[in-house]
Amino acid sequence: STVPVIMLSARADSIDVVLGLEAG
């Protein structure tokens, strides 16, 4: 699906952020 997705992370960690965005 192309449904919008917002990731929630307990840290502003670059790895968490980038992995989530790269996942779509």
mmCIF file of all heavy atoms, coordinates in Angstrom:
data_MODEL
# 
_entry.id   MODEL 
# 
loop_
_atom_site.group_PDB 
_atom_site.id 
_atom_site.type_symbol 
_atom_site.label_atom_id 
_atom_site.label_alt_id 
_atom_site.label_comp_id 
_atom_site.label_asym_id 
_atom_site.label_entity_id 
_atom_site.label_seq_id 
_atom_site.pdbx_PDB_ins_code 
_atom_site.Cartn_x 
_atom_site.Cartn_y 
_atom_site.Cartn_z 
_atom_site.occupancy 
_atom_site.B_iso_or_equiv 
_atom_site.pdbx_formal_charge 
_atom_site.auth_seq_id 
_atom_site.auth_comp_id 
_atom_site.auth_asym_id 
_atom_site.auth_atom_id 
_atom_site.pdbx_PDB_model_num 
ATOM 1   N N   . SER A 1 1  ? 0.829  -1.205 0.000  1.00 0.00 ? 1  SER A N   1 
ATOM 2   C CA  . SER A 1 1  ? 0.000  0.000  0.000  1.00 0.00 ? 1  SER A CA  1 
ATOM 3   C C   . SER A 1 1  ? 0.864  1.256  0.000  1.00 0.00 ? 1  SER A C   1 
ATOM 4   O O   . SER A 1 1  ? 2.024  1.235  0.412  1.00 0.00 ? 1  SER A O   1 
ATOM 5   C CB  . SER A 1 1  ? -0.890 0.004  1.251  1.00 0.00 ? 1  SER A CB  1 
ATOM 6   O OG  . SER A 1 1  ? -1.576 1.219  1.408  1.00 0.00 ? 1  SER A OG  1 
ATOM 7   N N   . THR A 1 2  ? 0.273  2.352  -0.460 1.00 0.00 ? 2  THR A N   1 
ATOM 8   C CA  . THR A 1 2  ? 0.921  3.666  -0.377 1.00 0.00 ? 2  THR A CA  1 
ATOM 9   C C   . THR A 1 2  ? 0.338  4.499  0.757  1.00 0.00 ? 2  THR A C   1 
ATOM 10  O O   . THR A 1 2  ? 0.519  5.714  0.802  1.00 0.00 ? 2  THR A O   1 
ATOM 11  C CB  . THR A 1 2  ? 0.777  4.435  -1.705 1.00 0.00 ? 2  THR A CB  1 
ATOM 12  O OG1 . THR A 1 2  ? -0.606 4.608  -2.011 1.00 0.00 ? 2  THR A OG1 1 
ATOM 13  C CG2 . THR A 1 2  ? 1.465  3.699  -2.842 1.00 0.00 ? 2  THR A CG2 1 
ATOM 14  N N   . VAL A 1 3  ? -0.379 3.864  1.677  1.00 0.00 ? 3  VAL A N   1 
ATOM 15  C CA  . VAL A 1 3  ? -0.966 4.579  2.809  1.00 0.00 ? 3  VAL A CA  1 
ATOM 16  C C   . VAL A 1 3  ? 0.134  5.337  3.551  1.00 0.00 ? 3  VAL A C   1 
ATOM 17  O O   . VAL A 1 3  ? 1.252  4.839  3.703  1.00 0.00 ? 3  VAL A O   1 
ATOM 18  C CB  . VAL A 1 3  ? -1.700 3.597  3.759  1.00 0.00 ? 3  VAL A CB  1 
ATOM 19  C CG1 . VAL A 1 3  ? -0.714 2.680  4.456  1.00 0.00 ? 3  VAL A CG1 1 
ATOM 20  C CG2 . VAL A 1 3  ? -2.539 4.346  4.784  1.00 0.00 ? 3  VAL A CG2 1 
ATOM 21  N N   . PRO A 1 4  ? -0.108 6.565  3.985  1.00 0.00 ? 4  PRO A N   1 
ATOM 22  C CA  . PRO A 1 4  ? 0.933  7.312  4.705  1.00 0.00 ? 4  PRO A CA  1 
ATOM 23  C C   . PRO A 1 4  ? 1.333  6.644  6.010  1.00 0.00 ? 4  PRO A C   1 
ATOM 24  O O   . PRO A 1 4  ? 0.489  6.084  6.721  1.00 0.00 ? 4  PRO A O   1 
ATOM 25  C CB  . PRO A 1 4  ? 0.293  8.687  4.949  1.00 0.00 ? 4  PRO A CB  1 
ATOM 26  C CG  . PRO A 1 4  ? -1.172 8.484  4.771  1.00 0.00 ? 4  PRO A CG  1 
ATOM 27  C CD  . PRO A 1 4  ? -1.333 7.370  3.796  1.00 0.00 ? 4  PRO A CD  1 
ATOM 28  N N   . VAL A 1 5  ? 2.625  6.717  6.307  1.00 0.00 ? 5  VAL A N   1 
ATOM 29  C CA  . VAL A 1 5  ? 3.181  6.109  7.518  1.00 0.00 ? 5  VAL A CA  1 
ATOM 30  C C   . VAL A 1 5  ? 4.024  7.135  8.250  1.00 0.00 ? 5  VAL A C   1 
ATOM 31  O O   . VAL A 1 5  ? 4.875  7.801  7.645  1.00 0.00 ? 5  VAL A O   1 
ATOM 32  C CB  . VAL A 1 5  ? 4.043  4.874  7.180  1.00 0.00 ? 5  VAL A CB  1 
ATOM 33  C CG1 . VAL A 1 5  ? 4.718  4.329  8.448  1.00 0.00 ? 5  VAL A CG1 1 
ATOM 34  C CG2 . VAL A 1 5  ? 3.210  3.788  6.515  1.00 0.00 ? 5  VAL A CG2 1 
ATOM 35  N N   . ILE A 1 6  ? 3.796  7.267  9.556  1.00 0.00 ? 6  ILE A N   1 
ATOM 36  C CA  . ILE A 1 6  ? 4.629  8.083  10.426 1.00 0.00 ? 6  ILE A CA  1 
ATOM 37  C C   . ILE A 1 6  ? 5.289  7.153  11.434 1.00 0.00 ? 6  ILE A C   1 
ATOM 38  O O   . ILE A 1 6  ? 4.609  6.380  12.107 1.00 0.00 ? 6  ILE A O   1 
ATOM 39  C CB  . ILE A 1 6  ? 3.814  9.163  11.163 1.00 0.00 ? 6  ILE A CB  1 
ATOM 40  C CG1 . ILE A 1 6  ? 3.196  10.155 10.173 1.00 0.00 ? 6  ILE A CG1 1 
ATOM 41  C CG2 . ILE A 1 6  ? 4.696  9.910  12.170 1.00 0.00 ? 6  ILE A CG2 1 
ATOM 42  C CD1 . ILE A 1 6  ? 2.315  11.202 10.829 1.00 0.00 ? 6  ILE A CD1 1 
ATOM 43  N N   . MET A 1 7  ? 6.615  7.226  11.524 1.00 0.00 ? 7  MET A N   1 
ATOM 44  C CA  . MET A 1 7  ? 7.339  6.426  12.497 1.00 0.00 ? 7  MET A CA  1 
ATOM 45  C C   . MET A 1 7  ? 7.481  7.199  13.801 1.00 0.00 ? 7  MET A C   1 
ATOM 46  O O   . MET A 1 7  ? 7.656  8.425  13.797 1.00 0.00 ? 7  MET A O   1 
ATOM 47  C CB  . MET A 1 7  ? 8.736  6.070  11.973 1.00 0.00 ? 7  MET A CB  1 
ATOM 48  C CG  . MET A 1 7  ? 8.757  5.313  10.660 1.00 0.00 ? 7  MET A CG  1 
ATOM 49  S SD  . MET A 1 7  ? 7.966  3.684  10.716 1.00 0.00 ? 7  MET A SD  1 
ATOM 50  C CE  . MET A 1 7  ? 8.973  2.839  11.938 1.00 0.00 ? 7  MET A CE  1 
ATOM 51  N N   . LEU A 1 8  ? 7.421  6.465  14.918 1.00 0.00 ? 8  LEU A N   1 
ATOM 52  C CA  . LEU A 1 8  ? 7.607  7.045  16.240 1.00 0.00 ? 8  LEU A CA  1 
ATOM 53  C C   . LEU A 1 8  ? 8.853  6.425  16.853 1.00 0.00 ? 8  LEU A C   1 
ATOM 54  O O   . LEU A 1 8  ? 8.999  5.199  16.869 1.00 0.00 ? 8  LEU A O   1 
ATOM 55  C CB  . LEU A 1 8  ? 6.395  6.770  17.136 1.00 0.00 ? 8  LEU A CB  1 
ATOM 56  C CG  . LEU A 1 8  ? 5.033  7.205  16.593 1.00 0.00 ? 8  LEU A CG  1 
ATOM 57  C CD1 . LEU A 1 8  ? 3.925  6.764  17.538 1.00 0.00 ? 8  LEU A CD1 1 
ATOM 58  C CD2 . LEU A 1 8  ? 4.987  8.716  16.401 1.00 0.00 ? 8  LEU A CD2 1 
ATOM 59  N N   . SER A 1 9  ? 9.756  7.258  17.344 1.00 0.00 ? 9  SER A N   1 
ATOM 60  C CA  . SER A 1 9  ? 11.001 6.758  17.912 1.00 0.00 ? 9  SER A CA  1 
ATOM 61  C C   . SER A 1 9  ? 11.284 7.426  19.242 1.00 0.00 ? 9  SER A C   1 
ATOM 62  O O   . SER A 1 9  ? 11.050 8.626  19.405 1.00 0.00 ? 9  SER A O   1 
ATOM 63  C CB  . SER A 1 9  ? 12.168 7.019  16.955 1.00 0.00 ? 9  SER A CB  1 
ATOM 64  O OG  . SER A 1 9  ? 13.401 6.680  17.557 1.00 0.00 ? 9  SER A OG  1 
ATOM 65  N N   . ALA A 1 10 ? 11.780 6.651  20.195 1.00 0.00 ? 10 ALA A N   1 
ATOM 66  C CA  . ALA A 1 10 ? 12.109 7.199  21.510 1.00 0.00 ? 10 ALA A CA  1 
ATOM 67  C C   . ALA A 1 10 ? 13.391 8.012  21.461 1.00 0.00 ? 10 ALA A C   1 
ATOM 68  O O   . ALA A 1 10 ? 13.720 8.717  22.398 1.00 0.00 ? 10 ALA A O   1 
ATOM 69  C CB  . ALA A 1 10 ? 12.244 6.081  22.535 1.00 0.00 ? 10 ALA A CB  1 
ATOM 70  N N   . ARG A 1 11 ? 14.125 7.898  20.378 1.00 0.00 ? 11 ARG A N   1 
ATOM 71  C CA  . ARG A 1 11 ? 15.379 8.636  20.229 1.00 0.00 ? 11 ARG A CA  1 
ATOM 72  C C   . ARG A 1 11 ? 15.381 9.372  18.896 1.00 0.00 ? 11 ARG A C   1 
ATOM 73  O O   . ARG A 1 11 ? 14.805 8.903  17.928 1.00 0.00 ? 11 ARG A O   1 
ATOM 74  C CB  . ARG A 1 11 ? 16.574 7.689  20.263 1.00 0.00 ? 11 ARG A CB  1 
ATOM 75  C CG  . ARG A 1 11 ? 16.675 6.854  21.516 1.00 0.00 ? 11 ARG A CG  1 
ATOM 76  C CD  . ARG A 1 11 ? 17.790 5.840  21.346 1.00 0.00 ? 11 ARG A CD  1 
ATOM 77  N NE  . ARG A 1 11 ? 17.499 4.910  20.256 1.00 0.00 ? 11 ARG A NE  1 
ATOM 78  C CZ  . ARG A 1 11 ? 18.408 4.094  19.733 1.00 0.00 ? 11 ARG A CZ  1 
ATOM 79  N NH1 . ARG A 1 11 ? 19.651 4.132  20.156 1.00 0.00 ? 11 ARG A NH1 1 
ATOM 80  N NH2 . ARG A 1 11 ? 18.072 3.254  18.767 1.00 0.00 ? 11 ARG A NH2 1 
ATOM 81  N N   . ALA A 1 12 ? 16.077 10.511 18.869 1.00 0.00 ? 12 ALA A N   1 
ATOM 82  C CA  . ALA A 1 12 ? 16.260 11.206 17.592 1.00 0.00 ? 12 ALA A CA  1 
ATOM 83  C C   . ALA A 1 12 ? 17.517 10.651 16.937 1.00 0.00 ? 12 ALA A C   1 
ATOM 84  O O   . ALA A 1 12 ? 18.334 11.383 16.390 1.00 0.00 ? 12 ALA A O   1 
ATOM 85  C CB  . ALA A 1 12 ? 16.384 12.709 17.826 1.00 0.00 ? 12 ALA A CB  1 
ATOM 86  N N   . ASP A 1 13 ? 17.678 9.335  17.040 1.00 0.00 ? 13 ASP A N   1 
ATOM 87  C CA  . ASP A 1 13 ? 18.873 8.659  16.540 1.00 0.00 ? 13 ASP A CA  1 
ATOM 88  C C   . ASP A 1 13 ? 18.863 8.629  15.022 1.00 0.00 ? 13 ASP A C   1 
ATOM 89  O O   . ASP A 1 13 ? 17.864 8.266  14.407 1.00 0.00 ? 13 ASP A O   1 
ATOM 90  C CB  . ASP A 1 13 ? 18.914 7.233  17.100 1.00 0.00 ? 13 ASP A CB  1 
ATOM 91  C CG  . ASP A 1 13 ? 20.216 6.533  16.785 1.00 0.00 ? 13 ASP A CG  1 
ATOM 92  O OD1 . ASP A 1 13 ? 20.365 6.081  15.640 1.00 0.00 ? 13 ASP A OD1 1 
ATOM 93  O OD2 . ASP A 1 13 ? 21.066 6.448  17.689 1.00 0.00 ? 13 ASP A OD2 1 
ATOM 94  N N   . SER A 1 14 ? 19.975 8.998  14.420 1.00 0.00 ? 14 SER A N   1 
ATOM 95  C CA  . SER A 1 14 ? 20.061 9.050  12.957 1.00 0.00 ? 14 SER A CA  1 
ATOM 96  C C   . SER A 1 14 ? 19.739 7.705  12.330 1.00 0.00 ? 14 SER A C   1 
ATOM 97  O O   . SER A 1 14 ? 19.084 7.627  11.294 1.00 0.00 ? 14 SER A O   1 
ATOM 98  C CB  . SER A 1 14 ? 21.458 9.499  12.519 1.00 0.00 ? 14 SER A CB  1 
ATOM 99  O OG  . SER A 1 14 ? 21.709 10.825 12.907 1.00 0.00 ? 14 SER A OG  1 
ATOM 100 N N   . ILE A 1 15 ? 20.204 6.619  12.970 1.00 0.00 ? 15 ILE A N   1 
ATOM 101 C CA  . ILE A 1 15 ? 19.957 5.295  12.404 1.00 0.00 ? 15 ILE A CA  1 
ATOM 102 C C   . ILE A 1 15 ? 18.472 4.982  12.405 1.00 0.00 ? 15 ILE A C   1 
ATOM 103 O O   . ILE A 1 15 ? 17.912 4.528  11.407 1.00 0.00 ? 15 ILE A O   1 
ATOM 104 C CB  . ILE A 1 15 ? 20.748 4.227  13.182 1.00 0.00 ? 15 ILE A CB  1 
ATOM 105 C CG1 . ILE A 1 15 ? 22.248 4.450  13.010 1.00 0.00 ? 15 ILE A CG1 1 
ATOM 106 C CG2 . ILE A 1 15 ? 20.367 2.835  12.714 1.00 0.00 ? 15 ILE A CG2 1 
ATOM 107 C CD1 . ILE A 1 15 ? 23.114 3.494  13.804 1.00 0.00 ? 15 ILE A CD1 1 
ATOM 108 N N   . ASP A 1 16 ? 17.796 5.225  13.530 1.00 0.00 ? 16 ASP A N   1 
ATOM 109 C CA  . ASP A 1 16 ? 16.357 4.986  13.613 1.00 0.00 ? 16 ASP A CA  1 
ATOM 110 C C   . ASP A 1 16 ? 15.611 5.782  12.553 1.00 0.00 ? 16 ASP A C   1 
ATOM 111 O O   . ASP A 1 16 ? 14.736 5.264  11.854 1.00 0.00 ? 16 ASP A O   1 
ATOM 112 C CB  . ASP A 1 16 ? 15.808 5.380  14.995 1.00 0.00 ? 16 ASP A CB  1 
ATOM 113 C CG  . ASP A 1 16 ? 16.114 4.338  16.055 1.00 0.00 ? 16 ASP A CG  1 
ATOM 114 O OD1 . ASP A 1 16 ? 16.597 3.247  15.681 1.00 0.00 ? 16 ASP A OD1 1 
ATOM 115 O OD2 . ASP A 1 16 ? 15.882 4.610  17.241 1.00 0.00 ? 16 ASP A OD2 1 
ATOM 116 N N   . VAL A 1 17 ? 15.939 7.066  12.453 1.00 0.00 ? 17 VAL A N   1 
ATOM 117 C CA  . VAL A 1 17 ? 15.246 7.956  11.524 1.00 0.00 ? 17 VAL A CA  1 
ATOM 118 C C   . VAL A 1 17 ? 15.454 7.503  10.088 1.00 0.00 ? 17 VAL A C   1 
ATOM 119 O O   . VAL A 1 17 ? 14.510 7.340  9.308  1.00 0.00 ? 17 VAL A O   1 
ATOM 120 C CB  . VAL A 1 17 ? 15.721 9.411  11.710 1.00 0.00 ? 17 VAL A CB  1 
ATOM 121 C CG1 . VAL A 1 17 ? 15.170 10.292 10.599 1.00 0.00 ? 17 VAL A CG1 1 
ATOM 122 C CG2 . VAL A 1 17 ? 15.303 9.941  13.073 1.00 0.00 ? 17 VAL A CG2 1 
ATOM 123 N N   . VAL A 1 18 ? 16.712 7.289  9.713  1.00 0.00 ? 18 VAL A N   1 
ATOM 124 C CA  . VAL A 1 18 ? 17.024 6.934  8.332  1.00 0.00 ? 18 VAL A CA  1 
ATOM 125 C C   . VAL A 1 18 ? 16.448 5.574  7.968  1.00 0.00 ? 18 VAL A C   1 
ATOM 126 O O   . VAL A 1 18 ? 15.886 5.400  6.874  1.00 0.00 ? 18 VAL A O   1 
ATOM 127 C CB  . VAL A 1 18 ? 18.551 6.963  8.095  1.00 0.00 ? 18 VAL A CB  1 
ATOM 128 C CG1 . VAL A 1 18 ? 18.891 6.406  6.729  1.00 0.00 ? 18 VAL A CG1 1 
ATOM 129 C CG2 . VAL A 1 18 ? 19.070 8.395  8.221  1.00 0.00 ? 18 VAL A CG2 1 
ATOM 130 N N   . LEU A 1 19 ? 16.555 4.590  8.863  1.00 0.00 ? 19 LEU A N   1 
ATOM 131 C CA  . LEU A 1 19 ? 15.999 3.267  8.578  1.00 0.00 ? 19 LEU A CA  1 
ATOM 132 C C   . LEU A 1 19 ? 14.490 3.336  8.345  1.00 0.00 ? 19 LEU A C   1 
ATOM 133 O O   . LEU A 1 19 ? 13.955 2.708  7.433  1.00 0.00 ? 19 LEU A O   1 
ATOM 134 C CB  . LEU A 1 19 ? 16.310 2.297  9.723  1.00 0.00 ? 19 LEU A CB  1 
ATOM 135 C CG  . LEU A 1 19 ? 17.733 1.769  9.814  1.00 0.00 ? 19 LEU A CG  1 
ATOM 136 C CD1 . LEU A 1 19 ? 17.895 0.882  11.045 1.00 0.00 ? 19 LEU A CD1 1 
ATOM 137 C CD2 . LEU A 1 19 ? 18.103 0.999  8.554  1.00 0.00 ? 19 LEU A CD2 1 
ATOM 138 N N   . GLY A 1 20 ? 13.806 4.114  9.176  1.00 0.00 ? 20 GLY A N   1 
ATOM 139 C CA  . GLY A 1 20 ? 12.368 4.257  9.013  1.00 0.00 ? 20 GLY A CA  1 
ATOM 140 C C   . GLY A 1 20 ? 11.997 4.909  7.699  1.00 0.00 ? 20 GLY A C   1 
ATOM 141 O O   . GLY A 1 20 ? 11.093 4.459  6.996  1.00 0.00 ? 20 GLY A O   1 
ATOM 142 N N   . LEU A 1 21 ? 12.717 5.978  7.341  1.00 0.00 ? 21 LEU A N   1 
ATOM 143 C CA  . LEU A 1 21 ? 12.424 6.674  6.090  1.00 0.00 ? 21 LEU A CA  1 
ATOM 144 C C   . LEU A 1 21 ? 12.791 5.818  4.884  1.00 0.00 ? 21 LEU A C   1 
ATOM 145 O O   . LEU A 1 21 ? 12.065 5.793  3.883  1.00 0.00 ? 21 LEU A O   1 
ATOM 146 C CB  . LEU A 1 21 ? 13.168 8.005  6.055  1.00 0.00 ? 21 LEU A CB  1 
ATOM 147 C CG  . LEU A 1 21 ? 12.739 9.038  7.101  1.00 0.00 ? 21 LEU A CG  1 
ATOM 148 C CD1 . LEU A 1 21 ? 13.676 10.227 7.085  1.00 0.00 ? 21 LEU A CD1 1 
ATOM 149 C CD2 . LEU A 1 21 ? 11.306 9.483  6.876  1.00 0.00 ? 21 LEU A CD2 1 
ATOM 150 N N   . GLU A 1 22 ? 13.916 5.101  4.977  1.00 0.00 ? 22 GLU A N   1 
ATOM 151 C CA  . GLU A 1 22 ? 14.310 4.241  3.864  1.00 0.00 ? 22 GLU A CA  1 
ATOM 152 C C   . GLU A 1 22 ? 13.332 3.085  3.681  1.00 0.00 ? 22 GLU A C   1 
ATOM 153 O O   . GLU A 1 22 ? 13.197 2.546  2.577  1.00 0.00 ? 22 GLU A O   1 
ATOM 154 C CB  . GLU A 1 22 ? 15.724 3.706  4.085  1.00 0.00 ? 22 GLU A CB  1 
ATOM 155 C CG  . GLU A 1 22 ? 16.812 4.759  3.893  1.00 0.00 ? 22 GLU A CG  1 
ATOM 156 C CD  . GLU A 1 22 ? 18.204 4.201  4.079  1.00 0.00 ? 22 GLU A CD  1 
ATOM 157 O OE1 . GLU A 1 22 ? 18.326 3.115  4.691  1.00 0.00 ? 22 GLU A OE1 1 
ATOM 158 O OE2 . GLU A 1 22 ? 19.155 4.860  3.637  1.00 0.00 ? 22 GLU A OE2 1 
ATOM 159 N N   . ALA A 1 23 ? 12.655 2.698  4.760  1.00 0.00 ? 23 ALA A N   1 
ATOM 160 C CA  . ALA A 1 23 ? 11.652 1.628  4.669  1.00 0.00 ? 23 ALA A CA  1 
ATOM 161 C C   . ALA A 1 23 ? 10.382 2.111  3.987  1.00 0.00 ? 23 ALA A C   1 
ATOM 162 O O   . ALA A 1 23 ? 9.506  1.304  3.678  1.00 0.00 ? 23 ALA A O   1 
ATOM 163 C CB  . ALA A 1 23 ? 11.333 1.090  6.063  1.00 0.00 ? 23 ALA A CB  1 
ATOM 164 N N   . GLY A 1 24 ? 10.264 3.420  3.783  1.00 0.00 ? 24 GLY A N   1 
ATOM 165 C CA  . GLY A 1 24 ? 9.100  3.957  3.093  1.00 0.00 ? 24 GLY A CA  1 
ATOM 166 C C   . GLY A 1 24 ? 8.218  4.859  3.928  1.00 0.00 ? 24 GLY A C   1 
ATOM 167 O O   . GLY A 1 24 ? 7.166  5.298  3.464  1.00 0.00 ? 24 GLY A O   1 
# 
